Amino acid sequence: MVPYLSERENAVEHINAKCIHLFDLWCESRSVAPLTYLLKGWPLTNSDPEAIRRLGNALRGLRRHHLHDANDASFQELCELSDCVEDLLVLSAMTTWAMSSG
């Protein structure tokens, strides 16, 4: 029997899948700069908030420094990935707050 994943675990799996896709895409196109940014926070060694925050910081840096690629499909995927990471950080913060308040 396979236990159901929590919302947080599903989000982490989704983020990992998106990172793998971008990693493969950037390896194929030999896009060294985006790979460098991605590898600052990924692969995730675990799914604790600090690891997710590190990935989020790396993705924000990449978005900030590569705005000239805004028409590129991978840039749109990067933005979606970054949004997923930010959503997960908010979810983690709300969970932590709820646990400390209760």
PDB file of N, CA and C in Angstrom:
ATOM      1  N   MET A   1       0.838  -1.178   0.000  1.00  0.00           N
ATOM      2  CA  MET A   1       0.000   0.000   0.000  1.00  0.00           C
ATOM      3  C   MET A   1       0.886   1.246   0.000  1.00  0.00           C
ATOM      4  N   VAL A   2       0.583   2.163  -0.894  1.00  0.00           N
ATOM      5  CA  VAL A   2       1.342   3.401  -1.002  1.00  0.00           C
ATOM      6  C   VAL A   2       0.578   4.501  -0.278  1.00  0.00           C
ATOM      7  N   PRO A   3       1.192   5.120   0.707  1.00  0.00           N
ATOM      8  CA  PRO A   3       0.492   6.194   1.424  1.00  0.00           C
ATOM      9  C   PRO A   3       0.335   7.422   0.516  1.00  0.00           C
ATOM     10  N   TYR A   4      -0.720   8.159   0.746  1.00  0.00           N
ATOM     11  CA  TYR A   4      -0.945   9.375  -0.015  1.00  0.00           C
ATOM     12  C   TYR A   4       0.050  10.439   0.414  1.00  0.00           C
ATOM     13  N   LEU A   5       0.514  11.184  -0.562  1.00  0.00           N
ATOM     14  CA  LEU A   5       1.453  12.256  -0.267  1.00  0.00           C
ATOM     15  C   LEU A   5       0.690  13.479   0.235  1.00  0.00           C
ATOM     16  N   SER A   6       1.308  14.205   1.124  1.00  0.00           N
ATOM     17  CA  SER A   6       0.711  15.442   1.612  1.00  0.00           C
ATOM     18  C   SER A   6       0.816  16.504   0.515  1.00  0.00           C
ATOM     19  N   GLU A   7       0.106  17.586   0.712  1.00  0.00           N
ATOM     20  CA  GLU A   7       0.157  18.699  -0.244  1.00  0.00           C
ATOM     21  C   GLU A   7       1.596  19.202  -0.397  1.00  0.00           C
ATOM     22  N   ARG A   8       2.292  19.281   0.702  1.00  0.00           N
ATOM     23  CA  ARG A   8       3.678  19.752   0.680  1.00  0.00           C
ATOM     24  C   ARG A   8       4.573  18.778  -0.091  1.00  0.00           C
ATOM     25  N   GLU A   9       4.426  17.486   0.176  1.00  0.00           N
ATOM     26  CA  GLU A   9       5.229  16.487  -0.533  1.00  0.00           C
ATOM     27  C   GLU A   9       4.933  16.490  -2.027  1.00  0.00           C
ATOM     28  N   ASN A  10       3.650  16.666  -2.385  1.00  0.00           N
ATOM     29  CA  ASN A  10       3.285  16.767  -3.801  1.00  0.00           C
ATOM     30  C   ASN A  10       3.950  17.981  -4.444  1.00  0.00           C
ATOM     31  N   ALA A  11       3.960  19.096  -3.724  1.00  0.00           N
ATOM     32  CA  ALA A  11       4.584  20.317  -4.241  1.00  0.00           C
ATOM     33  C   ALA A  11       6.082  20.110  -4.445  1.00  0.00           C
ATOM     34  N   VAL A  12       6.740  19.449  -3.503  1.00  0.00           N
ATOM     35  CA  VAL A  12       8.184  19.188  -3.624  1.00  0.00           C
ATOM     36  C   VAL A  12       8.452  18.280  -4.826  1.00  0.00           C
ATOM     37  N   GLU A  13       7.637  17.257  -5.011  1.00  0.00           N
ATOM     38  CA  GLU A  13       7.791  16.368  -6.166  1.00  0.00           C
ATOM     39  C   GLU A  13       7.599  17.135  -7.476  1.00  0.00           C
ATOM     40  N   HIS A  14       6.611  18.021  -7.495  1.00  0.00           N
ATOM     41  CA  HIS A  14       6.345  18.836  -8.682  1.00  0.00           C
ATOM     42  C   HIS A  14       7.535  19.749  -8.988  1.00  0.00           C
ATOM     43  N   ILE A  15       8.073  20.360  -7.957  1.00  0.00           N
ATOM     44  CA  ILE A  15       9.244  21.237  -8.116  1.00  0.00           C
ATOM     45  C   ILE A  15      10.431  20.439  -8.630  1.00  0.00           C
ATOM     46  N   ASN A  16      10.673  19.273  -8.068  1.00  0.00           N
ATOM     47  CA  ASN A  16      11.780  18.436  -8.533  1.00  0.00           C
ATOM     48  C   ASN A  16      11.613  18.054 -10.000  1.00  0.00           C
ATOM     49  N   ALA A  17      10.385  17.704 -10.396  1.00  0.00           N
ATOM     50  CA  ALA A  17      10.126  17.334 -11.789  1.00  0.00           C
ATOM     51  C   ALA A  17      10.409  18.511 -12.721  1.00  0.00           C
ATOM     52  N   LYS A  18       9.990  19.708 -12.322  1.00  0.00           N
ATOM     53  CA  LYS A  18      10.250  20.897 -13.146  1.00  0.00           C
ATOM     54  C   LYS A  18      11.755  21.191 -13.218  1.00  0.00           C
ATOM     55  N   CYS A  19      12.453  21.020 -12.099  1.00  0.00           N
ATOM     56  CA  CYS A  19      13.897  21.242 -12.091  1.00  0.00           C
ATOM     57  C   CYS A  19      14.600  20.242 -13.023  1.00  0.00           C
ATOM     58  N   ILE A  20      14.194  18.995 -12.972  1.00  0.00           N
ATOM     59  CA  ILE A  20      14.792  17.978 -13.847  1.00  0.00           C
ATOM     60  C   ILE A  20      14.578  18.348 -15.306  1.00  0.00           C
ATOM     61  N   HIS A  21      13.365  18.794 -15.618  1.00  0.00           N
ATOM     62  CA  HIS A  21      13.068  19.171 -17.005  1.00  0.00           C
ATOM     63  C   HIS A  21      13.950  20.336 -17.460  1.00  0.00           C
ATOM     64  N   LEU A  22      14.048  21.378 -16.631  1.00  0.00           N
ATOM     65  CA  LEU A  22      14.887  22.520 -17.001  1.00  0.00           C
ATOM     66  C   LEU A  22      16.363  22.128 -17.060  1.00  0.00           C
ATOM     67  N   PHE A  23      16.795  21.296 -16.135  1.00  0.00           N
ATOM     68  CA  PHE A  23      18.177  20.821 -16.144  1.00  0.00           C
ATOM     69  C   PHE A  23      18.474  20.119 -17.477  1.00  0.00           C
ATOM     70  N   ASP A  24      17.606  19.214 -17.884  1.00  0.00           N
ATOM     71  CA  ASP A  24      17.792  18.506 -19.151  1.00  0.00           C
ATOM     72  C   ASP A  24      17.793  19.462 -20.337  1.00  0.00           C
ATOM     73  N   LEU A  25      16.864  20.382 -20.328  1.00  0.00           N
ATOM     74  CA  LEU A  25      16.749  21.361 -21.408  1.00  0.00           C
ATOM     75  C   LEU A  25      18.008  22.216 -21.516  1.00  0.00           C
ATOM     76  N   TRP A  26      18.490  22.699 -20.381  1.00  0.00           N
ATOM     77  CA  TRP A  26      19.667  23.565 -20.384  1.00  0.00           C
ATOM     78  C   TRP A  26      20.946  22.788 -20.661  1.00  0.00           C
ATOM     79  N   CYS A  27      20.985  21.513 -20.279  1.00  0.00           N
ATOM     80  CA  CYS A  27      22.139  20.680 -20.642  1.00  0.00           C
ATOM     81  C   CYS A  27      22.192  20.486 -22.156  1.00  0.00           C
ATOM     82  N   GLU A  28      21.038  20.167 -22.755  1.00  0.00           N
ATOM     83  CA  GLU A  28      20.977  19.962 -24.204  1.00  0.00           C
ATOM     84  C   GLU A  28      21.403  21.204 -24.972  1.00  0.00           C
ATOM     85  N   SER A  29      20.975  22.366 -24.496  1.00  0.00           N
ATOM     86  CA  SER A  29      21.289  23.612 -25.199  1.00  0.00           C
ATOM     87  C   SER A  29      22.605  24.225 -24.727  1.00  0.00           C
ATOM     88  N   ARG A  30      23.268  23.558 -23.790  1.00  0.00           N
ATOM     89  CA  ARG A  30      24.540  24.016 -23.226  1.00  0.00           C
ATOM     90  C   ARG A  30      24.445  25.439 -22.662  1.00  0.00           C
ATOM     91  N   SER A  31      23.364  25.669 -21.964  1.00  0.00           N
ATOM     92  CA  SER A  31      23.112  26.966 -21.338  1.00  0.00           C
ATOM     93  C   SER A  31      23.750  26.973 -19.951  1.00  0.00           C
ATOM     94  N   VAL A  32      24.997  27.380 -19.911  1.00  0.00           N
ATOM     95  CA  VAL A  32      25.800  27.279 -18.695  1.00  0.00           C
ATOM     96  C   VAL A  32      25.302  28.210 -17.591  1.00  0.00           C
ATOM     97  N   ALA A  33      24.966  29.440 -17.921  1.00  0.00           N
ATOM     98  CA  ALA A  33      24.540  30.390 -16.882  1.00  0.00           C
ATOM     99  C   ALA A  33      23.283  29.913 -16.160  1.00  0.00           C
ATOM    100  N   PRO A  34      22.214  29.529 -16.872  1.00  0.00           N
ATOM    101  CA  PRO A  34      21.036  29.036 -16.145  1.00  0.00           C
ATOM    102  C   PRO A  34      21.341  27.783 -15.320  1.00  0.00           C
ATOM    103  N   LEU A  35      22.167  26.895 -15.855  1.00  0.00           N
ATOM    104  CA  LEU A  35      22.540  25.695 -15.099  1.00  0.00           C
ATOM    105  C   LEU A  35      23.269  26.057 -13.808  1.00  0.00           C
ATOM    106  N   THR A  36      24.142  27.031 -13.888  1.00  0.00           N
ATOM    107  CA  THR A  36      24.898  27.462 -12.711  1.00  0.00           C
ATOM    108  C   THR A  36      23.959  27.953 -11.617  1.00  0.00           C
ATOM    109  N   TYR A  37      22.983  28.771 -12.008  1.00  0.00           N
ATOM    110  CA  TYR A  37      22.015  29.261 -11.028  1.00  0.00           C
ATOM    111  C   TYR A  37      21.203  28.107 -10.446  1.00  0.00           C
ATOM    112  N   LEU A  38      20.698  27.229 -11.311  1.00  0.00           N
ATOM    113  CA  LEU A  38      19.873  26.117 -10.850  1.00  0.00           C
ATOM    114  C   LEU A  38      20.631  25.241  -9.857  1.00  0.00           C
ATOM    115  N   LEU A  39      21.892  24.975 -10.170  1.00  0.00           N
ATOM    116  CA  LEU A  39      22.676  24.071  -9.323  1.00  0.00           C
ATOM    117  C   LEU A  39      23.077  24.688  -7.987  1.00  0.00           C
ATOM    118  N   LYS A  40      22.839  25.990  -7.816  1.00  0.00           N
ATOM    119  CA  LYS A  40      23.074  26.615  -6.503  1.00  0.00           C
ATOM    120  C   LYS A  40      22.039  26.151  -5.479  1.00  0.00           C
ATOM    121  N   GLY A  41      20.863  25.712  -5.960  1.00  0.00           N
ATOM    122  CA  GLY A  41      19.819  25.308  -5.026  1.00  0.00           C
ATOM    123  C   GLY A  41      19.231  23.937  -5.287  1.00  0.00           C
ATOM    124  N   TRP A  42      19.679  23.289  -6.341  1.00  0.00           N
ATOM    125  CA  TRP A  42      19.129  21.994  -6.726  1.00  0.00           C
ATOM    126  C   TRP A  42      20.260  21.103  -7.182  1.00  0.00           C
ATOM    127  N   PRO A  43      20.227  19.815  -6.936  1.00  0.00           N
ATOM    128  CA  PRO A  43      19.100  19.058  -6.402  1.00  0.00           C
ATOM    129  C   PRO A  43      18.880  19.331  -4.922  1.00  0.00           C
ATOM    130  N   LEU A  44      17.636  19.183  -4.539  1.00  0.00           N
ATOM    131  CA  LEU A  44      17.266  19.385  -3.142  1.00  0.00           C
ATOM    132  C   LEU A  44      17.815  18.223  -2.326  1.00  0.00           C
ATOM    133  N   THR A  45      18.618  18.534  -1.333  1.00  0.00           N
ATOM    134  CA  THR A  45      19.156  17.485  -0.471  1.00  0.00           C
ATOM    135  C   THR A  45      18.090  16.975   0.486  1.00  0.00           C
ATOM    136  N   ASN A  46      17.126  17.827   0.775  1.00  0.00           N
ATOM    137  CA  ASN A  46      15.953  17.457   1.575  1.00  0.00           C
ATOM    138  C   ASN A  46      14.880  18.489   1.260  1.00  0.00           C
ATOM    139  N   SER A  47      13.756  18.384   1.901  1.00  0.00           N
ATOM    140  CA  SER A  47      12.671  19.317   1.583  1.00  0.00           C
ATOM    141  C   SER A  47      12.378  20.283   2.723  1.00  0.00           C
ATOM    142  N   ASP A  48      13.383  20.532   3.560  1.00  0.00           N
ATOM    143  CA  ASP A  48      13.147  21.480   4.650  1.00  0.00           C
ATOM    144  C   ASP A  48      13.094  22.903   4.086  1.00  0.00           C
ATOM    145  N   PRO A  49      12.507  23.825   4.829  1.00  0.00           N
ATOM    146  CA  PRO A  49      12.337  25.188   4.328  1.00  0.00           C
ATOM    147  C   PRO A  49      13.642  25.859   3.878  1.00  0.00           C
ATOM    148  N   GLU A  50      14.739  25.575   4.548  1.00  0.00           N
ATOM    149  CA  GLU A  50      16.013  26.207   4.163  1.00  0.00           C
ATOM    150  C   GLU A  50      16.449  25.757   2.766  1.00  0.00           C
ATOM    151  N   ALA A  51      16.292  24.491   2.449  1.00  0.00           N
ATOM    152  CA  ALA A  51      16.652  23.985   1.124  1.00  0.00           C
ATOM    153  C   ALA A  51      15.748  24.600   0.055  1.00  0.00           C
ATOM    154  N   ILE A  52      14.466  24.703   0.348  1.00  0.00           N
ATOM    155  CA  ILE A  52      13.515  25.307  -0.592  1.00  0.00           C
ATOM    156  C   ILE A  52      13.835  26.789  -0.762  1.00  0.00           C
ATOM    157  N   ARG A  53      14.180  27.466   0.331  1.00  0.00           N
ATOM    158  CA  ARG A  53      14.538  28.889   0.272  1.00  0.00           C
ATOM    159  C   ARG A  53      15.790  29.111  -0.581  1.00  0.00           C
ATOM    160  N   ARG A  54      16.771  28.206  -0.448  1.00  0.00           N
ATOM    161  CA  ARG A  54      18.001  28.305  -1.239  1.00  0.00           C
ATOM    162  C   ARG A  54      17.681  28.177  -2.732  1.00  0.00           C
ATOM    163  N   LEU A  55      16.805  27.237  -3.079  1.00  0.00           N
ATOM    164  CA  LEU A  55      16.390  27.081  -4.476  1.00  0.00           C
ATOM    165  C   LEU A  55      15.649  28.330  -4.939  1.00  0.00           C
ATOM    166  N   GLY A  56      14.765  28.841  -4.101  1.00  0.00           N
ATOM    167  CA  GLY A  56      14.029  30.063  -4.451  1.00  0.00           C
ATOM    168  C   GLY A  56      14.946  31.239  -4.708  1.00  0.00           C
ATOM    169  N   ASN A  57      15.966  31.400  -3.881  1.00  0.00           N
ATOM    170  CA  ASN A  57      16.936  32.492  -4.078  1.00  0.00           C
ATOM    171  C   ASN A  57      17.684  32.334  -5.391  1.00  0.00           C
ATOM    172  N   ALA A  58      18.076  31.108  -5.710  1.00  0.00           N
ATOM    173  CA  ALA A  58      18.792  30.852  -6.963  1.00  0.00           C
ATOM    174  C   ALA A  58      17.895  31.168  -8.164  1.00  0.00           C
ATOM    175  N   LEU A  59      16.636  30.765  -8.086  1.00  0.00           N
ATOM    176  CA  LEU A  59      15.711  31.017  -9.198  1.00  0.00           C
ATOM    177  C   LEU A  59      15.401  32.498  -9.353  1.00  0.00           C
ATOM    178  N   ARG A  60      15.261  33.208  -8.228  1.00  0.00           N
ATOM    179  CA  ARG A  60      15.042  34.668  -8.307  1.00  0.00           C
ATOM    180  C   ARG A  60      16.234  35.350  -8.962  1.00  0.00           C
ATOM    181  N   GLY A  61      17.434  34.922  -8.587  1.00  0.00           N
ATOM    182  CA  GLY A  61      18.629  35.488  -9.205  1.00  0.00           C
ATOM    183  C   GLY A  61      18.671  35.237 -10.701  1.00  0.00           C
ATOM    184  N   LEU A  62      18.312  34.052 -11.095  1.00  0.00           N
ATOM    185  CA  LEU A  62      18.288  33.722 -12.521  1.00  0.00           C
ATOM    186  C   LEU A  62      17.256  34.558 -13.262  1.00  0.00           C
ATOM    187  N   ARG A  63      16.083  34.703 -12.689  1.00  0.00           N
ATOM    188  CA  ARG A  63      15.047  35.531 -13.335  1.00  0.00           C
ATOM    189  C   ARG A  63      15.513  36.968 -13.470  1.00  0.00           C
ATOM    190  N   ARG A  64      16.156  37.482 -12.438  1.00  0.00           N
ATOM    191  CA  ARG A  64      16.608  38.872 -12.429  1.00  0.00           C
ATOM    192  C   ARG A  64      17.690  39.129 -13.476  1.00  0.00           C
ATOM    193  N   HIS A  65      18.607  38.189 -13.632  1.00  0.00           N
ATOM    194  CA  HIS A  65      19.756  38.409 -14.505  1.00  0.00           C
ATOM    195  C   HIS A  65      19.561  37.931 -15.934  1.00  0.00           C
ATOM    196  N   HIS A  66      18.443  37.316 -16.208  1.00  0.00           N
ATOM    197  CA  HIS A  66      18.235  36.802 -17.566  1.00  0.00           C
ATOM    198  C   HIS A  66      16.881  37.208 -18.119  1.00  0.00           C
ATOM    199  N   LEU A  67      16.521  38.452 -17.876  1.00  0.00           N
ATOM    200  CA  LEU A  67      15.248  38.959 -18.382  1.00  0.00           C
ATOM    201  C   LEU A  67      15.235  39.070 -19.902  1.00  0.00           C
ATOM    202  N   HIS A  68      16.399  39.131 -20.535  1.00  0.00           N
ATOM    203  CA  HIS A  68      16.450  39.225 -21.993  1.00  0.00           C
ATOM    204  C   HIS A  68      15.917  37.965 -22.661  1.00  0.00           C
ATOM    205  N   ASP A  69      15.776  36.889 -21.913  1.00  0.00           N
ATOM    206  CA  ASP A  69      15.253  35.632 -22.446  1.00  0.00           C
ATOM    207  C   ASP A  69      13.753  35.510 -22.216  1.00  0.00           C
ATOM    208  N   ALA A  70      13.078  36.628 -21.958  1.00  0.00           N
ATOM    209  CA  ALA A  70      11.672  36.588 -21.561  1.00  0.00           C
ATOM    210  C   ALA A  70      10.766  35.933 -22.598  1.00  0.00           C
ATOM    211  N   ASN A  71      11.147  35.899 -23.847  1.00  0.00           N
ATOM    212  CA  ASN A  71      10.323  35.261 -24.869  1.00  0.00           C
ATOM    213  C   ASN A  71      10.619  33.779 -25.006  1.00  0.00           C
ATOM    214  N   ASP A  72      11.638  33.317 -24.372  1.00  0.00           N
ATOM    215  CA  ASP A  72      12.049  31.922 -24.436  1.00  0.00           C
ATOM    216  C   ASP A  72      11.091  31.054 -23.617  1.00  0.00           C
ATOM    217  N   ALA A  73      10.725  29.882 -24.162  1.00  0.00           N
ATOM    218  CA  ALA A  73       9.809  28.979 -23.455  1.00  0.00           C
ATOM    219  C   ALA A  73      10.393  28.530 -22.118  1.00  0.00           C
ATOM    220  N   SER A  74      11.705  28.305 -22.065  1.00  0.00           N
ATOM    221  CA  SER A  74      12.310  27.875 -20.801  1.00  0.00           C
ATOM    222  C   SER A  74      12.224  28.975 -19.751  1.00  0.00           C
ATOM    223  N   PHE A  75      12.227  30.240 -20.171  1.00  0.00           N
ATOM    224  CA  PHE A  75      12.076  31.327 -19.208  1.00  0.00           C
ATOM    225  C   PHE A  75      10.687  31.292 -18.589  1.00  0.00           C
ATOM    226  N   GLN A  76       9.683  30.985 -19.399  1.00  0.00           N
ATOM    227  CA  GLN A  76       8.321  30.865 -18.871  1.00  0.00           C
ATOM    228  C   GLN A  76       8.232  29.710 -17.879  1.00  0.00           C
ATOM    229  N   GLU A  77       8.894  28.603 -18.187  1.00  0.00           N
ATOM    230  CA  GLU A  77       8.928  27.462 -17.266  1.00  0.00           C
ATOM    231  C   GLU A  77       9.655  27.837 -15.983  1.00  0.00           C
ATOM    232  N   LEU A  78      10.723  28.603 -16.125  1.00  0.00           N
ATOM    233  CA  LEU A  78      11.468  29.076 -14.956  1.00  0.00           C
ATOM    234  C   LEU A  78      10.571  29.917 -14.061  1.00  0.00           C
ATOM    235  N   CYS A  79       9.790  30.802 -14.658  1.00  0.00           N
ATOM    236  CA  CYS A  79       8.882  31.644 -13.875  1.00  0.00           C
ATOM    237  C   CYS A  79       7.838  30.793 -13.155  1.00  0.00           C
ATOM    238  N   GLU A  80       7.299  29.781 -13.834  1.00  0.00           N
ATOM    239  CA  GLU A  80       6.331  28.887 -13.205  1.00  0.00           C
ATOM    240  C   GLU A  80       6.970  28.130 -12.043  1.00  0.00           C
ATOM    241  N   LEU A  81       8.191  27.649 -12.253  1.00  0.00           N
ATOM    242  CA  LEU A  81       8.908  26.936 -11.202  1.00  0.00           C
ATOM    243  C   LEU A  81       9.154  27.847 -10.010  1.00  0.00           C
ATOM    244  N   SER A  82       9.596  29.048 -10.276  1.00  0.00           N
ATOM    245  CA  SER A  82       9.860  30.012  -9.211  1.00  0.00           C
ATOM    246  C   SER A  82       8.584  30.289  -8.413  1.00  0.00           C
ATOM    247  N   ASP A  83       7.463  30.424  -9.103  1.00  0.00           N
ATOM    248  CA  ASP A  83       6.185  30.648  -8.429  1.00  0.00           C
ATOM    249  C   ASP A  83       5.816  29.447  -7.544  1.00  0.00           C
ATOM    250  N   CYS A  84       6.055  28.241  -8.033  1.00  0.00           N
ATOM    251  CA  CYS A  84       5.776  27.032  -7.242  1.00  0.00           C
ATOM    252  C   CYS A  84       6.614  27.010  -5.967  1.00  0.00           C
ATOM    253  N   VAL A  85       7.882  27.387  -6.094  1.00  0.00           N
ATOM    254  CA  VAL A  85       8.771  27.420  -4.925  1.00  0.00           C
ATOM    255  C   VAL A  85       8.274  28.461  -3.924  1.00  0.00           C
ATOM    256  N   GLU A  86       7.894  29.632  -4.412  1.00  0.00           N
ATOM    257  CA  GLU A  86       7.388  30.685  -3.516  1.00  0.00           C
ATOM    258  C   GLU A  86       6.115  30.230  -2.819  1.00  0.00           C
ATOM    259  N   ASP A  87       5.222  29.553  -3.557  1.00  0.00           N
ATOM    260  CA  ASP A  87       3.987  29.041  -2.952  1.00  0.00           C
ATOM    261  C   ASP A  87       4.300  28.036  -1.851  1.00  0.00           C
ATOM    262  N   LEU A  88       5.282  27.172  -2.090  1.00  0.00           N
ATOM    263  CA  LEU A  88       5.660  26.175  -1.097  1.00  0.00           C
ATOM    264  C   LEU A  88       6.251  26.847   0.146  1.00  0.00           C
ATOM    265  N   LEU A  89       7.025  27.897  -0.050  1.00  0.00           N
ATOM    266  CA  LEU A  89       7.584  28.620   1.093  1.00  0.00           C
ATOM    267  C   LEU A  89       6.472  29.259   1.928  1.00  0.00           C
ATOM    268  N   VAL A  90       5.461  29.793   1.260  1.00  0.00           N
ATOM    269  CA  VAL A  90       4.320  30.379   1.980  1.00  0.00           C
ATOM    270  C   VAL A  90       3.591  29.285   2.750  1.00  0.00           C
ATOM    271  N   LEU A  91       3.364  28.140   2.106  1.00  0.00           N
ATOM    272  CA  LEU A  91       2.698  27.015   2.768  1.00  0.00           C
ATOM    273  C   LEU A  91       3.494  26.567   3.991  1.00  0.00           C
ATOM    274  N   SER A  92       4.813  26.484   3.856  1.00  0.00           N
ATOM    275  CA  SER A  92       5.667  26.081   4.974  1.00  0.00           C
ATOM    276  C   SER A  92       5.592  27.084   6.122  1.00  0.00           C
ATOM    277  N   ALA A  93       5.599  28.361   5.780  1.00  0.00           N
ATOM    278  CA  ALA A  93       5.529  29.404   6.807  1.00  0.00           C
ATOM    279  C   ALA A  93       4.190  29.353   7.527  1.00  0.00           C
ATOM    280  N   MET A  94       3.100  29.132   6.783  1.00  0.00           N
ATOM    281  CA  MET A  94       1.777  29.063   7.403  1.00  0.00           C
ATOM    282  C   MET A  94       1.681  27.843   8.321  1.00  0.00           C
ATOM    283  N   THR A  95       2.242  26.718   7.880  1.00  0.00           N
ATOM    284  CA  THR A  95       2.226  25.506   8.694  1.00  0.00           C
ATOM    285  C   THR A  95       3.012  25.704   9.974  1.00  0.00           C
ATOM    286  N   THR A  96       4.195  26.303   9.847  1.00  0.00           N
ATOM    287  CA  THR A  96       5.030  26.575  11.021  1.00  0.00           C
ATOM    288  C   THR A  96       4.323  27.518  11.984  1.00  0.00           C
ATOM    289  N   TRP A  97       3.699  28.552  11.448  1.00  0.00           N
ATOM    290  CA  TRP A  97       2.976  29.518  12.274  1.00  0.00           C
ATOM    291  C   TRP A  97       1.820  28.843  12.992  1.00  0.00           C
ATOM    292  N   ALA A  98       1.053  28.010  12.268  1.00  0.00           N
ATOM    293  CA  ALA A  98      -0.100  27.327  12.860  1.00  0.00           C
ATOM    294  C   ALA A  98       0.335  26.386  13.982  1.00  0.00           C
ATOM    295  N   MET A  99       1.459  25.705  13.763  1.00  0.00           N
ATOM    296  CA  MET A  99       1.945  24.761  14.776  1.00  0.00           C
ATOM    297  C   MET A  99       2.449  25.500  16.015  1.00  0.00           C
ATOM    298  N   SER A 100       3.051  26.666  15.825  1.00  0.00           N
ATOM    299  CA  SER A 100       3.573  27.408  16.975  1.00  0.00           C
ATOM    300  C   SER A 100       2.481  28.148  17.728  1.00  0.00           C
ATOM    301  N   SER A 101       1.384  28.439  17.036  1.00  0.00           N
ATOM    302  CA  SER A 101       0.269  29.156  17.672  1.00  0.00           C
ATOM    303  C   SER A 101      -0.654  28.209  18.442  1.00  0.00           C
ATOM    304  N   GLY A 102      -0.639  26.951  18.036  1.00  0.00           N
ATOM    305  CA  GLY A 102      -1.599  26.024  18.620  1.00  0.00           C
ATOM    306  C   GLY A 102      -1.090  25.368  19.787  1.00  0.00           C
TER     307      GLY A 102
END
